[in-house]
mmCIF file of all heavy atoms, coordinates in Angstrom:
data_MODEL
# 
_entry.id   MODEL 
# 
loop_
_atom_site.group_PDB 
_atom_site.id 
_atom_site.type_symbol 
_atom_site.label_atom_id 
_atom_site.label_alt_id 
_atom_site.label_comp_id 
_atom_site.label_asym_id 
_atom_site.label_entity_id 
_atom_site.label_seq_id 
_atom_site.pdbx_PDB_ins_code 
_atom_site.Cartn_x 
_atom_site.Cartn_y 
_atom_site.Cartn_z 
_atom_site.occupancy 
_atom_site.B_iso_or_equiv 
_atom_site.pdbx_formal_charge 
_atom_site.auth_seq_id 
_atom_site.auth_comp_id 
_atom_site.auth_asym_id 
_atom_site.auth_atom_id 
_atom_site.pdbx_PDB_model_num 
ATOM 1   N N   . ARG A 1 1  ? 0.847  -1.189  0.000   1.00 0.00 ? 1  ARG A N   1 
ATOM 2   C CA  . ARG A 1 1  ? 0.000  0.000   0.000   1.00 0.00 ? 1  ARG A CA  1 
ATOM 3   C C   . ARG A 1 1  ? 0.883  1.239   0.000   1.00 0.00 ? 1  ARG A C   1 
ATOM 4   O O   . ARG A 1 1  ? 1.911  1.280   0.664   1.00 0.00 ? 1  ARG A O   1 
ATOM 5   C CB  . ARG A 1 1  ? -0.922 0.025   1.219   1.00 0.00 ? 1  ARG A CB  1 
ATOM 6   C CG  . ARG A 1 1  ? -1.976 -1.027  1.158   1.00 0.00 ? 1  ARG A CG  1 
ATOM 7   C CD  . ARG A 1 1  ? -2.961 -0.694  0.060   1.00 0.00 ? 1  ARG A CD  1 
ATOM 8   N NE  . ARG A 1 1  ? -3.914 -1.770  -0.141  1.00 0.00 ? 1  ARG A NE  1 
ATOM 9   C CZ  . ARG A 1 1  ? -4.431 -2.072  -1.320  1.00 0.00 ? 1  ARG A CZ  1 
ATOM 10  N NH1 . ARG A 1 1  ? -4.092 -1.402  -2.389  1.00 0.00 ? 1  ARG A NH1 1 
ATOM 11  N NH2 . ARG A 1 1  ? -5.291 -3.039  -1.427  1.00 0.00 ? 1  ARG A NH2 1 
ATOM 12  N N   . GLY A 1 2  ? 0.473  2.229   -0.744  1.00 0.00 ? 2  GLY A N   1 
ATOM 13  C CA  . GLY A 1 2  ? 1.206  3.480   -0.816  1.00 0.00 ? 2  GLY A CA  1 
ATOM 14  C C   . GLY A 1 2  ? 1.965  3.615   -2.121  1.00 0.00 ? 2  GLY A C   1 
ATOM 15  O O   . GLY A 1 2  ? 1.992  2.702   -2.946  1.00 0.00 ? 2  GLY A O   1 
ATOM 16  N N   . ARG A 1 3  ? 2.575  4.777   -2.282  1.00 0.00 ? 3  ARG A N   1 
ATOM 17  C CA  . ARG A 1 3  ? 3.278  5.071   -3.530  1.00 0.00 ? 3  ARG A CA  1 
ATOM 18  C C   . ARG A 1 3  ? 4.752  5.390   -3.308  1.00 0.00 ? 3  ARG A C   1 
ATOM 19  O O   . ARG A 1 3  ? 5.413  5.924   -4.179  1.00 0.00 ? 3  ARG A O   1 
ATOM 20  C CB  . ARG A 1 3  ? 2.584  6.230   -4.224  1.00 0.00 ? 3  ARG A CB  1 
ATOM 21  C CG  . ARG A 1 3  ? 1.191  5.854   -4.684  1.00 0.00 ? 3  ARG A CG  1 
ATOM 22  C CD  . ARG A 1 3  ? 0.584  6.944   -5.540  1.00 0.00 ? 3  ARG A CD  1 
ATOM 23  N NE  . ARG A 1 3  ? -0.630 6.461   -6.157  1.00 0.00 ? 3  ARG A NE  1 
ATOM 24  C CZ  . ARG A 1 3  ? -1.842 6.770   -5.758  1.00 0.00 ? 3  ARG A CZ  1 
ATOM 25  N NH1 . ARG A 1 3  ? -2.018 7.579   -4.737  1.00 0.00 ? 3  ARG A NH1 1 
ATOM 26  N NH2 . ARG A 1 3  ? -2.893 6.292   -6.389  1.00 0.00 ? 3  ARG A NH2 1 
ATOM 27  N N   . SER A 1 4  ? 5.280  5.057   -2.151  1.00 0.00 ? 4  SER A N   1 
ATOM 28  C CA  . SER A 1 4  ? 6.658  5.419   -1.841  1.00 0.00 ? 4  SER A CA  1 
ATOM 29  C C   . SER A 1 4  ? 7.681  4.669   -2.680  1.00 0.00 ? 4  SER A C   1 
ATOM 30  O O   . SER A 1 4  ? 8.803  5.131   -2.843  1.00 0.00 ? 4  SER A O   1 
ATOM 31  C CB  . SER A 1 4  ? 6.958  5.191   -0.361  1.00 0.00 ? 4  SER A CB  1 
ATOM 32  O OG  . SER A 1 4  ? 6.922  3.811   -0.052  1.00 0.00 ? 4  SER A OG  1 
ATOM 33  N N   . MET A 1 5  ? 7.316  3.523   -3.252  1.00 0.00 ? 5  MET A N   1 
ATOM 34  C CA  . MET A 1 5  ? 8.269  2.749   -4.048  1.00 0.00 ? 5  MET A CA  1 
ATOM 35  C C   . MET A 1 5  ? 7.993  2.826   -5.545  1.00 0.00 ? 5  MET A C   1 
ATOM 36  O O   . MET A 1 5  ? 8.503  2.032   -6.319  1.00 0.00 ? 5  MET A O   1 
ATOM 37  C CB  . MET A 1 5  ? 8.271  1.286   -3.580  1.00 0.00 ? 5  MET A CB  1 
ATOM 38  C CG  . MET A 1 5  ? 8.976  1.088   -2.262  1.00 0.00 ? 5  MET A CG  1 
ATOM 39  S SD  . MET A 1 5  ? 10.684 1.660   -2.273  1.00 0.00 ? 5  MET A SD  1 
ATOM 40  C CE  . MET A 1 5  ? 11.431 0.508   -3.395  1.00 0.00 ? 5  MET A CE  1 
ATOM 41  N N   . TRP A 1 6  ? 7.173  3.794   -5.965  1.00 0.00 ? 6  TRP A N   1 
ATOM 42  C CA  . TRP A 1 6  ? 6.903  3.999   -7.379  1.00 0.00 ? 6  TRP A CA  1 
ATOM 43  C C   . TRP A 1 6  ? 8.214  4.285   -8.090  1.00 0.00 ? 6  TRP A C   1 
ATOM 44  O O   . TRP A 1 6  ? 9.051  4.996   -7.541  1.00 0.00 ? 6  TRP A O   1 
ATOM 45  C CB  . TRP A 1 6  ? 5.946  5.180   -7.547  1.00 0.00 ? 6  TRP A CB  1 
ATOM 46  C CG  . TRP A 1 6  ? 5.608  5.471   -8.971  1.00 0.00 ? 6  TRP A CG  1 
ATOM 47  C CD1 . TRP A 1 6  ? 4.564  4.951   -9.670  1.00 0.00 ? 6  TRP A CD1 1 
ATOM 48  C CD2 . TRP A 1 6  ? 6.313  6.332   -9.863  1.00 0.00 ? 6  TRP A CD2 1 
ATOM 49  N NE1 . TRP A 1 6  ? 4.585  5.437   -10.941 1.00 0.00 ? 6  TRP A NE1 1 
ATOM 50  C CE2 . TRP A 1 6  ? 5.649  6.291   -11.097 1.00 0.00 ? 6  TRP A CE2 1 
ATOM 51  C CE3 . TRP A 1 6  ? 7.452  7.126   -9.758  1.00 0.00 ? 6  TRP A CE3 1 
ATOM 52  C CZ2 . TRP A 1 6  ? 6.080  7.000   -12.202 1.00 0.00 ? 6  TRP A CZ2 1 
ATOM 53  C CZ3 . TRP A 1 6  ? 7.889  7.834   -10.855 1.00 0.00 ? 6  TRP A CZ3 1 
ATOM 54  C CH2 . TRP A 1 6  ? 7.201  7.766   -12.056 1.00 0.00 ? 6  TRP A CH2 1 
ATOM 55  N N   . PRO A 1 7  ? 8.484  3.775   -9.234  1.00 0.00 ? 7  PRO A N   1 
ATOM 56  C CA  . PRO A 1 7  ? 7.619  3.011   -10.134 1.00 0.00 ? 7  PRO A CA  1 
ATOM 57  C C   . PRO A 1 7  ? 7.812  1.506   -10.045 1.00 0.00 ? 7  PRO A C   1 
ATOM 58  O O   . PRO A 1 7  ? 7.231  0.769   -10.830 1.00 0.00 ? 7  PRO A O   1 
ATOM 59  C CB  . PRO A 1 7  ? 8.069  3.509   -11.499 1.00 0.00 ? 7  PRO A CB  1 
ATOM 60  C CG  . PRO A 1 7  ? 9.543  3.693   -11.344 1.00 0.00 ? 7  PRO A CG  1 
ATOM 61  C CD  . PRO A 1 7  ? 9.718  4.198   -9.923  1.00 0.00 ? 7  PRO A CD  1 
ATOM 62  N N   . PHE A 1 8  ? 8.608  1.016   -9.109  1.00 0.00 ? 8  PHE A N   1 
ATOM 63  C CA  . PHE A 1 8  ? 8.942  -0.405  -9.090  1.00 0.00 ? 8  PHE A CA  1 
ATOM 64  C C   . PHE A 1 8  ? 7.947  -1.260  -8.322  1.00 0.00 ? 8  PHE A C   1 
ATOM 65  O O   . PHE A 1 8  ? 7.616  -2.358  -8.746  1.00 0.00 ? 8  PHE A O   1 
ATOM 66  C CB  . PHE A 1 8  ? 10.365 -0.604  -8.567  1.00 0.00 ? 8  PHE A CB  1 
ATOM 67  C CG  . PHE A 1 8  ? 11.379 0.013   -9.481  1.00 0.00 ? 8  PHE A CG  1 
ATOM 68  C CD1 . PHE A 1 8  ? 12.042 1.174   -9.127  1.00 0.00 ? 8  PHE A CD1 1 
ATOM 69  C CD2 . PHE A 1 8  ? 11.633 -0.544  -10.721 1.00 0.00 ? 8  PHE A CD2 1 
ATOM 70  C CE1 . PHE A 1 8  ? 12.953 1.757   -9.983  1.00 0.00 ? 8  PHE A CE1 1 
ATOM 71  C CE2 . PHE A 1 8  ? 12.545 0.040   -11.590 1.00 0.00 ? 8  PHE A CE2 1 
ATOM 72  C CZ  . PHE A 1 8  ? 13.205 1.187   -11.218 1.00 0.00 ? 8  PHE A CZ  1 
ATOM 73  N N   . VAL A 1 9  ? 7.477  -0.784  -7.186  1.00 0.00 ? 9  VAL A N   1 
ATOM 74  C CA  . VAL A 1 9  ? 6.426  -1.471  -6.444  1.00 0.00 ? 9  VAL A CA  1 
ATOM 75  C C   . VAL A 1 9  ? 5.242  -0.514  -6.411  1.00 0.00 ? 9  VAL A C   1 
ATOM 76  O O   . VAL A 1 9  ? 5.360  0.608   -5.935  1.00 0.00 ? 9  VAL A O   1 
ATOM 77  C CB  . VAL A 1 9  ? 6.861  -1.831  -5.002  1.00 0.00 ? 9  VAL A CB  1 
ATOM 78  C CG1 . VAL A 1 9  ? 5.731  -2.537  -4.266  1.00 0.00 ? 9  VAL A CG1 1 
ATOM 79  C CG2 . VAL A 1 9  ? 8.122  -2.688  -5.011  1.00 0.00 ? 9  VAL A CG2 1 
ATOM 80  N N   . LEU A 1 10 ? 4.117  -0.975  -6.956  1.00 0.00 ? 10 LEU A N   1 
ATOM 81  C CA  . LEU A 1 10 ? 2.936  -0.116  -7.075  1.00 0.00 ? 10 LEU A CA  1 
ATOM 82  C C   . LEU A 1 10 ? 1.919  -0.422  -5.986  1.00 0.00 ? 10 LEU A C   1 
ATOM 83  O O   . LEU A 1 10 ? 1.873  -1.540  -5.456  1.00 0.00 ? 10 LEU A O   1 
ATOM 84  C CB  . LEU A 1 10 ? 2.291  -0.321  -8.446  1.00 0.00 ? 10 LEU A CB  1 
ATOM 85  C CG  . LEU A 1 10 ? 3.188  -0.088  -9.661  1.00 0.00 ? 10 LEU A CG  1 
ATOM 86  C CD1 . LEU A 1 10 ? 2.413  -0.340  -10.949 1.00 0.00 ? 10 LEU A CD1 1 
ATOM 87  C CD2 . LEU A 1 10 ? 3.786  1.305   -9.641  1.00 0.00 ? 10 LEU A CD2 1 
ATOM 88  N N   . ASP A 1 11 ? 1.118  0.572   -5.658  1.00 0.00 ? 11 ASP A N   1 
ATOM 89  C CA  . ASP A 1 11 ? 0.032  0.397   -4.709  1.00 0.00 ? 11 ASP A CA  1 
ATOM 90  C C   . ASP A 1 11 ? -0.870 -0.727  -5.214  1.00 0.00 ? 11 ASP A C   1 
ATOM 91  O O   . ASP A 1 11 ? -1.340 -0.687  -6.350  1.00 0.00 ? 11 ASP A O   1 
ATOM 92  C CB  . ASP A 1 11 ? -0.754 1.708   -4.583  1.00 0.00 ? 11 ASP A CB  1 
ATOM 93  C CG  . ASP A 1 11 ? -1.817 1.649   -3.520  1.00 0.00 ? 11 ASP A CG  1 
ATOM 94  O OD1 . ASP A 1 11 ? -1.510 1.216   -2.402  1.00 0.00 ? 11 ASP A OD1 1 
ATOM 95  O OD2 . ASP A 1 11 ? -2.965 2.040   -3.812  1.00 0.00 ? 11 ASP A OD2 1 
ATOM 96  N N   . GLY A 1 12 ? -1.086 -1.740  -4.400  1.00 0.00 ? 12 GLY A N   1 
ATOM 97  C CA  . GLY A 1 12 ? -1.928 -2.864  -4.787  1.00 0.00 ? 12 GLY A CA  1 
ATOM 98  C C   . GLY A 1 12 ? -1.155 -4.083  -5.281  1.00 0.00 ? 12 GLY A C   1 
ATOM 99  O O   . GLY A 1 12 ? -1.744 -5.144  -5.472  1.00 0.00 ? 12 GLY A O   1 
ATOM 100 N N   . ASP A 1 13 ? 0.148  -3.967  -5.495  1.00 0.00 ? 13 ASP A N   1 
ATOM 101 C CA  . ASP A 1 13 ? 0.953  -5.133  -5.867  1.00 0.00 ? 13 ASP A CA  1 
ATOM 102 C C   . ASP A 1 13 ? 0.973  -6.114  -4.701  1.00 0.00 ? 13 ASP A C   1 
ATOM 103 O O   . ASP A 1 13 ? 1.030  -5.723  -3.539  1.00 0.00 ? 13 ASP A O   1 
ATOM 104 C CB  . ASP A 1 13 ? 2.410  -4.744  -6.155  1.00 0.00 ? 13 ASP A CB  1 
ATOM 105 C CG  . ASP A 1 13 ? 2.606  -4.116  -7.520  1.00 0.00 ? 13 ASP A CG  1 
ATOM 106 O OD1 . ASP A 1 13 ? 1.675  -4.129  -8.341  1.00 0.00 ? 13 ASP A OD1 1 
ATOM 107 O OD2 . ASP A 1 13 ? 3.725  -3.612  -7.765  1.00 0.00 ? 13 ASP A OD2 1 
ATOM 108 N N   . ARG A 1 14 ? 0.937  -7.394  -5.028  1.00 0.00 ? 14 ARG A N   1 
ATOM 109 C CA  . ARG A 1 14 ? 1.124  -8.431  -4.005  1.00 0.00 ? 14 ARG A CA  1 
ATOM 110 C C   . ARG A 1 14 ? 2.614  -8.751  -3.985  1.00 0.00 ? 14 ARG A C   1 
ATOM 111 O O   . ARG A 1 14 ? 3.204  -9.020  -5.025  1.00 0.00 ? 14 ARG A O   1 
ATOM 112 C CB  . ARG A 1 14 ? 0.306  -9.670  -4.331  1.00 0.00 ? 14 ARG A CB  1 
ATOM 113 C CG  . ARG A 1 14 ? 0.418  -10.753 -3.275  1.00 0.00 ? 14 ARG A CG  1 
ATOM 114 C CD  . ARG A 1 14 ? -0.507 -11.919 -3.569  1.00 0.00 ? 14 ARG A CD  1 
ATOM 115 N NE  . ARG A 1 14 ? -1.898 -11.535 -3.515  1.00 0.00 ? 14 ARG A NE  1 
ATOM 116 C CZ  . ARG A 1 14 ? -2.640 -11.514 -2.400  1.00 0.00 ? 14 ARG A CZ  1 
ATOM 117 N NH1 . ARG A 1 14 ? -2.091 -11.843 -1.256  1.00 0.00 ? 14 ARG A NH1 1 
ATOM 118 N NH2 . ARG A 1 14 ? -3.899 -11.164 -2.433  1.00 0.00 ? 14 ARG A NH2 1 
ATOM 119 N N   . VAL A 1 15 ? 3.222  -8.667  -2.814  1.00 0.00 ? 15 VAL A N   1 
ATOM 120 C CA  . VAL A 1 15 ? 4.674  -8.855  -2.700  1.00 0.00 ? 15 VAL A CA  1 
ATOM 121 C C   . VAL A 1 15 ? 4.973  -10.056 -1.809  1.00 0.00 ? 15 VAL A C   1 
ATOM 122 O O   . VAL A 1 15 ? 4.213  -10.377 -0.894  1.00 0.00 ? 15 VAL A O   1 
ATOM 123 C CB  . VAL A 1 15 ? 5.371  -7.594  -2.146  1.00 0.00 ? 15 VAL A CB  1 
ATOM 124 C CG1 . VAL A 1 15 ? 5.219  -6.433  -3.121  1.00 0.00 ? 15 VAL A CG1 1 
ATOM 125 C CG2 . VAL A 1 15 ? 4.828  -7.198  -0.784  1.00 0.00 ? 15 VAL A CG2 1 
ATOM 126 N N   . THR A 1 16 ? 6.088  -10.715 -2.121  1.00 0.00 ? 16 THR A N   1 
ATOM 127 C CA  . THR A 1 16 ? 6.557  -11.839 -1.316  1.00 0.00 ? 16 THR A CA  1 
ATOM 128 C C   . THR A 1 16 ? 7.881  -11.451 -0.682  1.00 0.00 ? 16 THR A C   1 
ATOM 129 O O   . THR A 1 16 ? 8.800  -11.005 -1.368  1.00 0.00 ? 16 THR A O   1 
ATOM 130 C CB  . THR A 1 16 ? 6.747  -13.101 -2.182  1.00 0.00 ? 16 THR A CB  1 
ATOM 131 O OG1 . THR A 1 16 ? 5.504  -13.427 -2.806  1.00 0.00 ? 16 THR A OG1 1 
ATOM 132 C CG2 . THR A 1 16 ? 7.209  -14.272 -1.330  1.00 0.00 ? 16 THR A CG2 1 
ATOM 133 N N   . ILE A 1 17 ? 7.956  -11.628 0.629   1.00 0.00 ? 17 ILE A N   1 
ATOM 134 C CA  . ILE A 1 17 ? 9.135  -11.288 1.420   1.00 0.00 ? 17 ILE A CA  1 
ATOM 135 C C   . ILE A 1 17 ? 9.668  -12.574 2.044   1.00 0.00 ? 17 ILE A C   1 
ATOM 136 O O   . ILE A 1 17 ? 8.900  -13.373 2.575   1.00 0.00 ? 17 ILE A O   1 
ATOM 137 C CB  . ILE A 1 17 ? 8.772  -10.300 2.553   1.00 0.00 ? 17 ILE A CB  1 
ATOM 138 C CG1 . ILE A 1 17 ? 7.968  -9.109  2.042   1.00 0.00 ? 17 ILE A CG1 1 
ATOM 139 C CG2 . ILE A 1 17 ? 10.015 -9.872  3.320   1.00 0.00 ? 17 ILE A CG2 1 
ATOM 140 C CD1 . ILE A 1 17 ? 8.676  -8.226  1.069   1.00 0.00 ? 17 ILE A CD1 1 
ATOM 141 N N   . VAL A 1 18 ? 10.989 -12.761 1.980   1.00 0.00 ? 18 VAL A N   1 
ATOM 142 C CA  . VAL A 1 18 ? 11.618 -13.919 2.618   1.00 0.00 ? 18 VAL A CA  1 
ATOM 143 C C   . VAL A 1 18 ? 12.497 -13.431 3.761   1.00 0.00 ? 18 VAL A C   1 
ATOM 144 O O   . VAL A 1 18 ? 12.908 -12.268 3.786   1.00 0.00 ? 18 VAL A O   1 
ATOM 145 C CB  . VAL A 1 18 ? 12.444 -14.758 1.611   1.00 0.00 ? 18 VAL A CB  1 
ATOM 146 C CG1 . VAL A 1 18 ? 11.545 -15.352 0.540   1.00 0.00 ? 18 VAL A CG1 1 
ATOM 147 C CG2 . VAL A 1 18 ? 13.569 -13.946 1.012   1.00 0.00 ? 18 VAL A CG2 1 
ATOM 148 N N   . PRO A 1 19 ? 12.796 -14.324 4.701   1.00 0.00 ? 19 PRO A N   1 
ATOM 149 C CA  . PRO A 1 19 ? 13.673 -13.931 5.813   1.00 0.00 ? 19 PRO A CA  1 
ATOM 150 C C   . PRO A 1 19 ? 15.026 -13.440 5.307   1.00 0.00 ? 19 PRO A C   1 
ATOM 151 O O   . PRO A 1 19 ? 15.514 -13.874 4.260   1.00 0.00 ? 19 PRO A O   1 
ATOM 152 C CB  . PRO A 1 19 ? 13.832 -15.223 6.617   1.00 0.00 ? 19 PRO A CB  1 
ATOM 153 C CG  . PRO A 1 19 ? 12.654 -16.050 6.247   1.00 0.00 ? 19 PRO A CG  1 
ATOM 154 C CD  . PRO A 1 19 ? 12.337 -15.707 4.824   1.00 0.00 ? 19 PRO A CD  1 
ATOM 155 N N   . LEU A 1 20 ? 15.608 -12.585 6.067   1.00 0.00 ? 20 LEU A N   1 
ATOM 156 C CA  . LEU A 1 20 ? 16.920 -12.029 5.740   1.00 0.00 ? 20 LEU A CA  1 
ATOM 157 C C   . LEU A 1 20 ? 17.971 -12.866 6.456   1.00 0.00 ? 20 LEU A C   1 
ATOM 158 O O   . LEU A 1 20 ? 18.122 -12.778 7.665   1.00 0.00 ? 20 LEU A O   1 
ATOM 159 C CB  . LEU A 1 20 ? 16.972 -10.568 6.191   1.00 0.00 ? 20 LEU A CB  1 
ATOM 160 C CG  . LEU A 1 20 ? 18.073 -9.704  5.651   1.00 0.00 ? 20 LEU A CG  1 
ATOM 161 C CD1 . LEU A 1 20 ? 17.995 -9.604  4.138   1.00 0.00 ? 20 LEU A CD1 1 
ATOM 162 C CD2 . LEU A 1 20 ? 17.986 -8.329  6.249   1.00 0.00 ? 20 LEU A CD2 1 
ATOM 163 N N   . TYR A 1 21 ? 18.661 -13.719 5.707   1.00 0.00 ? 21 TYR A N   1 
ATOM 164 C CA  . TYR A 1 21 ? 19.646 -14.616 6.307   1.00 0.00 ? 21 TYR A CA  1 
ATOM 165 C C   . TYR A 1 21 ? 21.039 -14.016 6.380   1.00 0.00 ? 21 TYR A C   1 
ATOM 166 O O   . TYR A 1 21 ? 21.896 -14.509 7.085   1.00 0.00 ? 21 TYR A O   1 
ATOM 167 C CB  . TYR A 1 21 ? 19.705 -15.936 5.535   1.00 0.00 ? 21 TYR A CB  1 
ATOM 168 C CG  . TYR A 1 21 ? 18.433 -16.728 5.683   1.00 0.00 ? 21 TYR A CG  1 
ATOM 169 C CD1 . TYR A 1 21 ? 17.602 -16.941 4.607   1.00 0.00 ? 21 TYR A CD1 1 
ATOM 170 C CD2 . TYR A 1 21 ? 18.053 -17.240 6.922   1.00 0.00 ? 21 TYR A CD2 1 
ATOM 171 C CE1 . TYR A 1 21 ? 16.430 -17.670 4.744   1.00 0.00 ? 21 TYR A CE1 1 
ATOM 172 C CE2 . TYR A 1 21 ? 16.881 -17.962 7.075   1.00 0.00 ? 21 TYR A CE2 1 
ATOM 173 C CZ  . TYR A 1 21 ? 16.081 -18.172 5.967   1.00 0.00 ? 21 TYR A CZ  1 
ATOM 174 O OH  . TYR A 1 21 ? 14.918 -18.873 6.121   1.00 0.00 ? 21 TYR A OH  1 
ATOM 175 N N   . ARG A 1 22 ? 21.272 -12.964 5.612   1.00 0.00 ? 22 ARG A N   1 
ATOM 176 C CA  . ARG A 1 22 ? 22.565 -12.291 5.660   1.00 0.00 ? 22 ARG A CA  1 
ATOM 177 C C   . ARG A 1 22 ? 22.313 -10.796 5.519   1.00 0.00 ? 22 ARG A C   1 
ATOM 178 O O   . ARG A 1 22 ? 21.216 -10.364 5.194   1.00 0.00 ? 22 ARG A O   1 
ATOM 179 C CB  . ARG A 1 22 ? 23.505 -12.805 4.580   1.00 0.00 ? 22 ARG A CB  1 
ATOM 180 C CG  . ARG A 1 22 ? 22.976 -12.575 3.191   1.00 0.00 ? 22 ARG A CG  1 
ATOM 181 C CD  . ARG A 1 22 ? 23.928 -13.065 2.155   1.00 0.00 ? 22 ARG A CD  1 
ATOM 182 N NE  . ARG A 1 22 ? 23.422 -12.537 0.896   1.00 0.00 ? 22 ARG A NE  1 
ATOM 183 C CZ  . ARG A 1 22 ? 23.779 -12.947 -0.275  1.00 0.00 ? 22 ARG A CZ  1 
ATOM 184 N NH1 . ARG A 1 22 ? 24.669 -13.871 -0.373  1.00 0.00 ? 22 ARG A NH1 1 
ATOM 185 N NH2 . ARG A 1 22 ? 23.266 -12.423 -1.341  1.00 0.00 ? 22 ARG A NH2 1 
ATOM 186 N N   . HIS A 1 23 ? 23.336 -10.030 5.735   1.00 0.00 ? 23 HIS A N   1 
ATOM 187 C CA  . HIS A 1 23 ? 23.212 -8.578  5.681   1.00 0.00 ? 23 HIS A CA  1 
ATOM 188 C C   . HIS A 1 23 ? 22.727 -8.141  4.293   1.00 0.00 ? 23 HIS A C   1 
ATOM 189 O O   . HIS A 1 23 ? 23.211 -8.643  3.284   1.00 0.00 ? 23 HIS A O   1 
ATOM 190 C CB  . HIS A 1 23 ? 24.581 -7.961  5.988   1.00 0.00 ? 23 HIS A CB  1 
ATOM 191 C CG  . HIS A 1 23 ? 24.495 -6.683  6.739   1.00 0.00 ? 23 HIS A CG  1 
ATOM 192 N ND1 . HIS A 1 23 ? 23.935 -6.589  7.994   1.00 0.00 ? 23 HIS A ND1 1 
ATOM 193 C CD2 . HIS A 1 23 ? 24.888 -5.439  6.408   1.00 0.00 ? 23 HIS A CD2 1 
ATOM 194 C CE1 . HIS A 1 23 ? 23.995 -5.335  8.401   1.00 0.00 ? 23 HIS A CE1 1 
ATOM 195 N NE2 . HIS A 1 23 ? 24.568 -4.626  7.470   1.00 0.00 ? 23 HIS A NE2 1 
ATOM 196 N N   . PRO A 1 24 ? 21.770 -7.213  4.229   1.00 0.00 ? 24 PRO A N   1 
ATOM 197 C CA  . PRO A 1 24 ? 21.306 -6.754  2.923   1.00 0.00 ? 24 PRO A CA  1 
ATOM 198 C C   . PRO A 1 24 ? 22.379 -5.945  2.203   1.00 0.00 ? 24 PRO A C   1 
ATOM 199 O O   . PRO A 1 24 ? 23.332 -5.461  2.818   1.00 0.00 ? 24 PRO A O   1 
ATOM 200 C CB  . PRO A 1 24 ? 20.097 -5.876  3.264   1.00 0.00 ? 24 PRO A CB  1 
ATOM 201 C CG  . PRO A 1 24 ? 20.374 -5.400  4.634   1.00 0.00 ? 24 PRO A CG  1 
ATOM 202 C CD  . PRO A 1 24 ? 21.119 -6.508  5.324   1.00 0.00 ? 24 PRO A CD  1 
ATOM 203 N N   . GLU A 1 25 ? 22.200 -5.802  0.905   1.00 0.00 ? 25 GLU A N   1 
ATOM 204 C CA  . GLU A 1 25 ? 23.132 -5.035  0.086   1.00 0.00 ? 25 GLU A CA  1 
ATOM 205 C C   . GLU A 1 25 ? 22.440 -3.788  -0.441  1.00 0.00 ? 25 GLU A C   1 
ATOM 206 O O   . GLU A 1 25 ? 21.228 -3.797  -0.662  1.00 0.00 ? 25 GLU A O   1 
ATOM 207 C CB  . GLU A 1 25 ? 23.608 -5.887  -1.091  1.00 0.00 ? 25 GLU A CB  1 
ATOM 208 C CG  . GLU A 1 25 ? 24.337 -7.137  -0.661  1.00 0.00 ? 25 GLU A CG  1 
ATOM 209 C CD  . GLU A 1 25 ? 24.642 -8.050  -1.835  1.00 0.00 ? 25 GLU A CD  1 
ATOM 210 O OE1 . GLU A 1 25 ? 24.485 -7.616  -2.995  1.00 0.00 ? 25 GLU A OE1 1 
ATOM 211 O OE2 . GLU A 1 25 ? 25.036 -9.193  -1.575  1.00 0.00 ? 25 GLU A OE2 1 
ATOM 212 N N   . PRO A 1 26 ? 23.199 -2.713  -0.659  1.00 0.00 ? 26 PRO A N   1 
ATOM 213 C CA  . PRO A 1 26 ? 22.605 -1.521  -1.265  1.00 0.00 ? 26 PRO A CA  1 
ATOM 214 C C   . PRO A 1 26 ? 21.925 -1.879  -2.593  1.00 0.00 ? 26 PRO A C   1 
ATOM 215 O O   . PRO A 1 26 ? 22.454 -2.652  -3.380  1.00 0.00 ? 26 PRO A O   1 
ATOM 216 C CB  . PRO A 1 26 ? 23.802 -0.596  -1.483  1.00 0.00 ? 26 PRO A CB  1 
ATOM 217 C CG  . PRO A 1 26 ? 24.764 -1.002  -0.410  1.00 0.00 ? 26 PRO A CG  1 
ATOM 218 C CD  . PRO A 1 26 ? 24.605 -2.495  -0.305  1.00 0.00 ? 26 PRO A CD  1 
# 
């Protein structure tokens, strides 16, 4: 929900998140 990630993630997109097993990268 929201438009903060436009244009890559849109309001209403269904997203899948997995656990973070290691440090994220930029």
